[in-house]
Amino acid sequence: MVHTVYLSLGTNLGDKEQNLMSAITEIERRIGPIRAQSAFLTTEPWGFESGNSFLNAAVRVETDIAPLALLDETQQIERDMGRTQKSVEGKYHDRIIDIDILLYDDLHIQTKRLTIPHPLMYERDFVLIPLREILLPNS
């Protein structure tokens, strides 16, 4: 069965545009075809101090991967791209890539490892602006 998934991407280290393009390529290769992609959006860090601005985007992907396996795959892409630490308990860090699962079909999931819809997405313009672009392309 094919599922529709929305992912948020962010980077604030290195060649940010290349980081997003590499992540998008890996998502398409490992997870499924990308059916929509937002423009890249430059934003300030959220939740921590950093001298590095972020570049953010959102993608809509079709996949047959189950939610927890999808989480494992997105985290593996992050590790393969060089991310060494995850944000834990609201402590954020500079990162080469961050991939968050925002929506998965119309599922509502709450486990220790994964919450869908993403619990903080409504507080983050860097997520909502790109997401709105691909959800409502003519607005």
N, C-alpha and C. Protein backbone atom coordinates (compact mmCIF):
# COMPACT_ATOMS: atom_id res chain seq x y z
N MET A 1 0.83 -1.19 0.00
CA MET A 1 0.00 0.00 0.00
C MET A 1 0.88 1.25 0.00
N VAL A 2 0.50 2.22 -0.79
CA VAL A 2 1.27 3.45 -0.89
C VAL A 2 0.70 4.49 0.07
N HIS A 3 1.60 5.12 0.81
CA HIS A 3 1.23 6.14 1.79
C HIS A 3 1.81 7.49 1.37
N THR A 4 1.13 8.56 1.77
CA THR A 4 1.62 9.91 1.52
C THR A 4 2.20 10.46 2.80
N VAL A 5 3.46 10.89 2.70
CA VAL A 5 4.21 11.37 3.86
C VAL A 5 4.75 12.75 3.56
N TYR A 6 4.69 13.62 4.56
CA TYR A 6 5.29 14.96 4.46
C TYR A 6 6.47 15.02 5.40
N LEU A 7 7.62 15.43 4.86
CA LEU A 7 8.85 15.53 5.64
C LEU A 7 9.34 16.98 5.64
N SER A 8 9.92 17.38 6.76
CA SER A 8 10.58 18.68 6.88
C SER A 8 12.08 18.45 6.88
N LEU A 9 12.81 19.28 6.16
CA LEU A 9 14.27 19.17 6.07
C LEU A 9 14.90 20.48 6.52
N GLY A 10 16.00 20.37 7.25
CA GLY A 10 16.70 21.57 7.68
C GLY A 10 18.19 21.31 7.81
N THR A 11 18.99 22.36 7.57
CA THR A 11 20.44 22.29 7.69
C THR A 11 20.98 23.66 8.03
N ASN A 12 22.03 23.70 8.87
CA ASN A 12 22.68 24.99 9.12
C ASN A 12 24.20 24.88 9.17
N LEU A 13 24.74 23.82 8.59
CA LEU A 13 26.20 23.64 8.53
C LEU A 13 26.63 23.33 7.11
N GLY A 14 27.83 23.77 6.75
CA GLY A 14 28.41 23.41 5.46
C GLY A 14 27.68 24.06 4.30
N ASP A 15 27.68 23.37 3.16
CA ASP A 15 27.00 23.82 1.95
C ASP A 15 25.53 23.45 2.09
N LYS A 16 24.75 24.38 2.61
CA LYS A 16 23.37 24.08 2.99
C LYS A 16 22.51 23.65 1.81
N GLU A 17 22.65 24.33 0.69
CA GLU A 17 21.85 23.95 -0.47
C GLU A 17 22.21 22.53 -0.92
N GLN A 18 23.48 22.22 -0.95
CA GLN A 18 23.91 20.88 -1.33
C GLN A 18 23.42 19.84 -0.30
N ASN A 19 23.43 20.19 0.98
CA ASN A 19 22.93 19.27 2.01
C ASN A 19 21.47 18.92 1.75
N LEU A 20 20.64 19.94 1.46
CA LEU A 20 19.23 19.67 1.19
C LEU A 20 19.07 18.83 -0.08
N MET A 21 19.82 19.17 -1.12
CA MET A 21 19.71 18.40 -2.37
C MET A 21 20.14 16.95 -2.15
N SER A 22 21.20 16.74 -1.37
CA SER A 22 21.64 15.36 -1.09
C SER A 22 20.59 14.60 -0.29
N ALA A 23 20.00 15.26 0.69
CA ALA A 23 18.95 14.61 1.49
C ALA A 23 17.75 14.25 0.61
N ILE A 24 17.36 15.15 -0.26
CA ILE A 24 16.23 14.89 -1.16
C ILE A 24 16.54 13.71 -2.08
N THR A 25 17.76 13.66 -2.60
CA THR A 25 18.16 12.54 -3.45
C THR A 25 18.09 11.22 -2.68
N GLU A 26 18.58 11.22 -1.44
CA GLU A 26 18.55 10.00 -0.63
C GLU A 26 17.13 9.60 -0.25
N ILE A 27 16.29 10.57 0.05
CA ILE A 27 14.88 10.29 0.36
C ILE A 27 14.23 9.60 -0.83
N GLU A 28 14.46 10.14 -2.01
CA GLU A 28 13.86 9.55 -3.21
C GLU A 28 14.41 8.14 -3.46
N ARG A 29 15.68 7.94 -3.21
CA ARG A 29 16.31 6.64 -3.45
C ARG A 29 15.88 5.59 -2.43
N ARG A 30 15.77 5.99 -1.16
CA ARG A 30 15.54 5.02 -0.08
C ARG A 30 14.09 4.92 0.38
N ILE A 31 13.33 5.99 0.22
CA ILE A 31 11.98 6.04 0.80
C ILE A 31 10.90 5.96 -0.26
N GLY A 32 11.04 6.73 -1.34
CA GLY A 32 10.03 6.69 -2.39
C GLY A 32 10.05 7.96 -3.21
N PRO A 33 9.23 7.98 -4.25
CA PRO A 33 9.21 9.14 -5.14
C PRO A 33 8.70 10.40 -4.45
N ILE A 34 9.39 11.50 -4.73
CA ILE A 34 8.98 12.80 -4.22
C ILE A 34 7.97 13.38 -5.21
N ARG A 35 6.79 13.68 -4.72
CA ARG A 35 5.71 14.19 -5.57
C ARG A 35 5.57 15.71 -5.50
N ALA A 36 6.17 16.33 -4.48
CA ALA A 36 6.16 17.80 -4.37
C ALA A 36 7.33 18.22 -3.49
N GLN A 37 7.90 19.37 -3.84
CA GLN A 37 9.02 19.91 -3.06
C GLN A 37 8.83 21.42 -2.96
N SER A 38 9.02 21.96 -1.77
CA SER A 38 8.92 23.40 -1.57
C SER A 38 10.20 24.08 -2.05
N ALA A 39 10.13 25.38 -2.12
CA ALA A 39 11.34 26.19 -2.30
C ALA A 39 12.17 26.10 -1.02
N PHE A 40 13.43 26.45 -1.10
CA PHE A 40 14.28 26.50 0.08
C PHE A 40 14.05 27.84 0.78
N LEU A 41 14.00 27.78 2.10
CA LEU A 41 13.67 28.94 2.93
C LEU A 41 14.78 29.16 3.95
N THR A 42 15.36 30.36 3.97
CA THR A 42 16.38 30.70 4.96
C THR A 42 15.69 31.20 6.22
N THR A 43 16.09 30.63 7.37
CA THR A 43 15.46 30.99 8.65
C THR A 43 16.52 31.09 9.74
N GLU A 44 16.14 31.72 10.82
CA GLU A 44 17.00 31.81 11.99
C GLU A 44 16.85 30.55 12.85
N PRO A 45 17.87 30.22 13.65
CA PRO A 45 17.75 29.05 14.53
C PRO A 45 16.53 29.18 15.45
N TRP A 46 15.94 28.05 15.77
CA TRP A 46 14.76 27.99 16.64
C TRP A 46 15.11 27.10 17.83
N GLY A 47 14.96 27.65 19.03
CA GLY A 47 15.15 26.84 20.23
C GLY A 47 16.57 26.80 20.75
N PHE A 48 17.50 27.47 20.06
CA PHE A 48 18.88 27.52 20.54
C PHE A 48 19.62 28.67 19.86
N GLU A 49 20.74 29.06 20.42
CA GLU A 49 21.57 30.13 19.89
C GLU A 49 22.59 29.55 18.92
N SER A 50 22.72 30.18 17.75
CA SER A 50 23.73 29.78 16.78
C SER A 50 23.98 30.95 15.85
N GLY A 51 25.19 31.09 15.40
CA GLY A 51 25.52 32.09 14.40
C GLY A 51 25.21 31.64 12.99
N ASN A 52 24.71 30.41 12.84
CA ASN A 52 24.44 29.83 11.53
C ASN A 52 22.95 29.82 11.23
N SER A 53 22.55 30.49 10.17
CA SER A 53 21.14 30.43 9.76
C SER A 53 20.85 29.05 9.18
N PHE A 54 19.57 28.73 9.08
CA PHE A 54 19.13 27.46 8.53
C PHE A 54 18.62 27.63 7.10
N LEU A 55 18.68 26.54 6.36
CA LEU A 55 17.99 26.43 5.10
C LEU A 55 17.00 25.28 5.28
N ASN A 56 15.72 25.54 5.02
CA ASN A 56 14.66 24.57 5.27
C ASN A 56 13.86 24.30 4.00
N ALA A 57 13.21 23.15 3.97
CA ALA A 57 12.33 22.77 2.87
C ALA A 57 11.37 21.70 3.38
N ALA A 58 10.37 21.42 2.56
CA ALA A 58 9.45 20.31 2.85
C ALA A 58 9.24 19.53 1.56
N VAL A 59 8.99 18.23 1.71
CA VAL A 59 8.71 17.37 0.56
C VAL A 59 7.52 16.48 0.87
N ARG A 60 6.80 16.13 -0.20
CA ARG A 60 5.73 15.12 -0.12
C ARG A 60 6.25 13.88 -0.83
N VAL A 61 6.21 12.76 -0.13
CA VAL A 61 6.78 11.52 -0.63
C VAL A 61 5.72 10.42 -0.61
N GLU A 62 5.76 9.57 -1.61
CA GLU A 62 4.94 8.36 -1.60
C GLU A 62 5.84 7.21 -1.17
N THR A 63 5.35 6.39 -0.24
CA THR A 63 6.17 5.30 0.29
C THR A 63 5.32 4.12 0.69
N ASP A 64 5.95 2.96 0.73
CA ASP A 64 5.29 1.77 1.27
C ASP A 64 5.91 1.40 2.62
N ILE A 65 6.76 2.28 3.15
CA ILE A 65 7.45 2.02 4.42
C ILE A 65 6.54 2.40 5.59
N ALA A 66 6.45 1.52 6.58
CA ALA A 66 5.64 1.77 7.78
C ALA A 66 6.26 2.90 8.60
N PRO A 67 5.47 3.58 9.46
CA PRO A 67 5.95 4.76 10.17
C PRO A 67 7.25 4.58 10.97
N LEU A 68 7.37 3.55 11.80
CA LEU A 68 8.60 3.41 12.59
C LEU A 68 9.80 3.04 11.72
N ALA A 69 9.58 2.25 10.69
CA ALA A 69 10.66 1.94 9.75
C ALA A 69 11.06 3.20 8.98
N LEU A 70 10.10 4.06 8.70
CA LEU A 70 10.39 5.34 8.04
C LEU A 70 11.26 6.21 8.95
N LEU A 71 10.93 6.25 10.23
CA LEU A 71 11.76 6.99 11.19
C LEU A 71 13.19 6.45 11.17
N ASP A 72 13.33 5.14 11.22
CA ASP A 72 14.66 4.52 11.18
C ASP A 72 15.41 4.93 9.91
N GLU A 73 14.71 4.94 8.79
CA GLU A 73 15.35 5.27 7.51
C GLU A 73 15.77 6.74 7.45
N THR A 74 14.91 7.65 7.93
CA THR A 74 15.28 9.07 7.90
C THR A 74 16.47 9.32 8.83
N GLN A 75 16.49 8.65 9.97
CA GLN A 75 17.62 8.82 10.89
C GLN A 75 18.90 8.22 10.31
N GLN A 76 18.78 7.15 9.54
CA GLN A 76 19.97 6.58 8.89
C GLN A 76 20.50 7.53 7.83
N ILE A 77 19.61 8.17 7.08
CA ILE A 77 20.05 9.17 6.09
C ILE A 77 20.81 10.28 6.81
N GLU A 78 20.27 10.76 7.94
CA GLU A 78 20.97 11.80 8.71
C GLU A 78 22.36 11.34 9.11
N ARG A 79 22.47 10.13 9.65
CA ARG A 79 23.79 9.61 10.07
C ARG A 79 24.73 9.47 8.87
N ASP A 80 24.21 8.95 7.77
CA ASP A 80 25.04 8.76 6.58
C ASP A 80 25.55 10.09 6.04
N MET A 81 24.79 11.16 6.26
CA MET A 81 25.21 12.48 5.80
C MET A 81 26.12 13.18 6.80
N GLY A 82 26.34 12.56 7.97
CA GLY A 82 27.30 13.13 8.92
C GLY A 82 26.72 13.69 10.20
N ARG A 83 25.42 13.53 10.41
CA ARG A 83 24.85 14.01 11.67
C ARG A 83 25.28 13.08 12.80
N THR A 84 25.85 13.67 13.85
CA THR A 84 26.40 12.85 14.92
C THR A 84 25.58 12.89 16.20
N GLN A 85 24.73 13.91 16.37
CA GLN A 85 23.92 13.95 17.59
C GLN A 85 22.51 14.42 17.27
N LYS A 86 21.55 13.83 17.96
CA LYS A 86 20.15 14.20 17.83
C LYS A 86 19.80 15.18 18.94
N SER A 87 18.77 15.97 18.68
CA SER A 87 18.25 16.86 19.71
C SER A 87 17.46 16.02 20.71
N VAL A 88 17.74 16.24 21.99
CA VAL A 88 17.09 15.46 23.03
C VAL A 88 16.53 16.41 24.08
N GLU A 89 15.27 16.19 24.45
CA GLU A 89 14.61 16.95 25.52
C GLU A 89 14.77 18.46 25.33
N GLY A 90 14.53 18.93 24.12
CA GLY A 90 14.55 20.36 23.85
C GLY A 90 15.92 20.99 23.76
N LYS A 91 16.98 20.19 23.74
CA LYS A 91 18.33 20.71 23.57
C LYS A 91 18.73 20.53 22.12
N TYR A 92 18.80 21.66 21.40
CA TYR A 92 19.08 21.62 19.97
C TYR A 92 20.53 21.99 19.69
N HIS A 93 21.02 21.56 18.52
CA HIS A 93 22.40 21.78 18.12
C HIS A 93 22.44 22.15 16.64
N ASP A 94 23.57 22.75 16.22
CA ASP A 94 23.82 22.89 14.79
C ASP A 94 23.80 21.50 14.17
N ARG A 95 23.36 21.42 12.91
CA ARG A 95 23.27 20.10 12.29
C ARG A 95 23.45 20.19 10.78
N ILE A 96 24.08 19.17 10.25
CA ILE A 96 24.28 19.10 8.80
C ILE A 96 22.97 18.78 8.10
N ILE A 97 22.11 18.00 8.76
CA ILE A 97 20.79 17.69 8.20
C ILE A 97 19.86 17.25 9.32
N ASP A 98 18.62 17.64 9.19
CA ASP A 98 17.56 17.20 10.09
C ASP A 98 16.37 16.83 9.22
N ILE A 99 15.83 15.65 9.41
CA ILE A 99 14.65 15.21 8.65
C ILE A 99 13.59 14.82 9.67
N ASP A 100 12.48 15.54 9.64
CA ASP A 100 11.37 15.26 10.56
C ASP A 100 10.16 14.76 9.78
N ILE A 101 9.50 13.75 10.32
CA ILE A 101 8.24 13.27 9.75
C ILE A 101 7.14 14.18 10.30
N LEU A 102 6.46 14.90 9.41
CA LEU A 102 5.40 15.81 9.83
C LEU A 102 4.04 15.11 9.83
N LEU A 103 3.71 14.49 8.71
CA LEU A 103 2.41 13.85 8.51
C LEU A 103 2.62 12.53 7.79
N TYR A 104 1.79 11.56 8.11
CA TYR A 104 1.81 10.25 7.45
C TYR A 104 0.35 9.88 7.21
N ASP A 105 -0.09 9.99 5.95
CA ASP A 105 -1.51 9.86 5.64
C ASP A 105 -2.30 10.70 6.64
N ASP A 106 -3.35 10.13 7.22
CA ASP A 106 -4.10 10.85 8.26
C ASP A 106 -3.90 10.19 9.62
N LEU A 107 -2.77 9.48 9.77
CA LEU A 107 -2.50 8.77 11.02
C LEU A 107 -2.20 9.72 12.17
N HIS A 108 -2.60 9.27 13.34
CA HIS A 108 -2.20 9.91 14.60
C HIS A 108 -1.49 8.82 15.39
N ILE A 109 -0.22 9.04 15.65
CA ILE A 109 0.62 8.06 16.34
C ILE A 109 1.29 8.76 17.52
N GLN A 110 1.30 8.09 18.65
CA GLN A 110 2.05 8.62 19.79
C GLN A 110 2.73 7.45 20.49
N THR A 111 4.04 7.34 20.23
CA THR A 111 4.85 6.34 20.91
C THR A 111 6.04 7.06 21.54
N LYS A 112 6.84 6.32 22.26
CA LYS A 112 8.04 6.92 22.86
C LYS A 112 9.00 7.44 21.79
N ARG A 113 9.04 6.77 20.65
CA ARG A 113 9.98 7.14 19.59
C ARG A 113 9.41 8.09 18.54
N LEU A 114 8.09 8.10 18.37
CA LEU A 114 7.53 8.82 17.23
C LEU A 114 6.15 9.36 17.56
N THR A 115 5.95 10.64 17.22
CA THR A 115 4.64 11.26 17.32
C THR A 115 4.30 11.87 15.97
N ILE A 116 3.13 11.49 15.43
CA ILE A 116 2.63 12.02 14.17
C ILE A 116 1.17 12.40 14.40
N PRO A 117 0.75 13.60 13.99
CA PRO A 117 1.52 14.67 13.39
C PRO A 117 2.64 15.16 14.32
N HIS A 118 3.68 15.74 13.70
CA HIS A 118 4.82 16.22 14.47
C HIS A 118 4.30 17.20 15.52
N PRO A 119 4.64 17.00 16.80
CA PRO A 119 4.02 17.78 17.87
C PRO A 119 4.37 19.27 17.89
N LEU A 120 5.48 19.68 17.29
CA LEU A 120 5.87 21.09 17.34
C LEU A 120 5.72 21.81 16.01
N MET A 121 5.19 21.14 15.00
CA MET A 121 5.18 21.76 13.68
C MET A 121 4.35 23.04 13.63
N TYR A 122 3.30 23.13 14.43
CA TYR A 122 2.44 24.31 14.39
C TYR A 122 3.08 25.52 15.06
N GLU A 123 4.18 25.32 15.77
CA GLU A 123 4.91 26.42 16.42
C GLU A 123 6.06 26.93 15.56
N ARG A 124 6.31 26.31 14.44
CA ARG A 124 7.53 26.57 13.67
C ARG A 124 7.21 27.07 12.27
N ASP A 125 7.43 28.36 12.03
CA ASP A 125 7.22 28.89 10.68
C ASP A 125 8.13 28.22 9.67
N PHE A 126 9.34 27.82 10.10
CA PHE A 126 10.27 27.18 9.16
C PHE A 126 9.75 25.82 8.69
N VAL A 127 8.76 25.28 9.38
CA VAL A 127 8.08 24.06 8.94
C VAL A 127 6.80 24.42 8.20
N LEU A 128 6.00 25.32 8.76
CA LEU A 128 4.69 25.62 8.20
C LEU A 128 4.74 26.29 6.83
N ILE A 129 5.68 27.21 6.63
CA ILE A 129 5.74 27.93 5.35
C ILE A 129 6.04 26.96 4.20
N PRO A 130 7.10 26.13 4.29
CA PRO A 130 7.32 25.17 3.20
C PRO A 130 6.20 24.13 3.08
N LEU A 131 5.66 23.68 4.21
CA LEU A 131 4.58 22.70 4.18
C LEU A 131 3.35 23.26 3.48
N ARG A 132 2.98 24.49 3.83
CA ARG A 132 1.82 25.13 3.20
C ARG A 132 2.04 25.25 1.68
N GLU A 133 3.26 25.52 1.27
CA GLU A 133 3.57 25.65 -0.15
C GLU A 133 3.24 24.37 -0.92
N ILE A 134 3.52 23.21 -0.33
CA ILE A 134 3.24 21.96 -1.06
C ILE A 134 1.85 21.39 -0.78
N LEU A 135 1.24 21.79 0.34
CA LEU A 135 -0.13 21.37 0.62
C LEU A 135 -1.14 22.19 -0.17
N LEU A 136 -0.86 23.48 -0.30
CA LEU A 136 -1.76 24.42 -0.96
C LEU A 136 -0.98 25.16 -2.04
N PRO A 137 -0.63 24.51 -3.14
CA PRO A 137 0.30 25.10 -4.11
C PRO A 137 -0.21 26.37 -4.79
N ASN A 138 -1.50 26.62 -4.78
CA ASN A 138 -2.01 27.82 -5.46
C ASN A 138 -2.40 28.94 -4.52
N SER A 139 -2.00 28.83 -3.25
CA SER A 139 -2.40 29.88 -2.30
C SER A 139 -1.35 30.97 -2.19
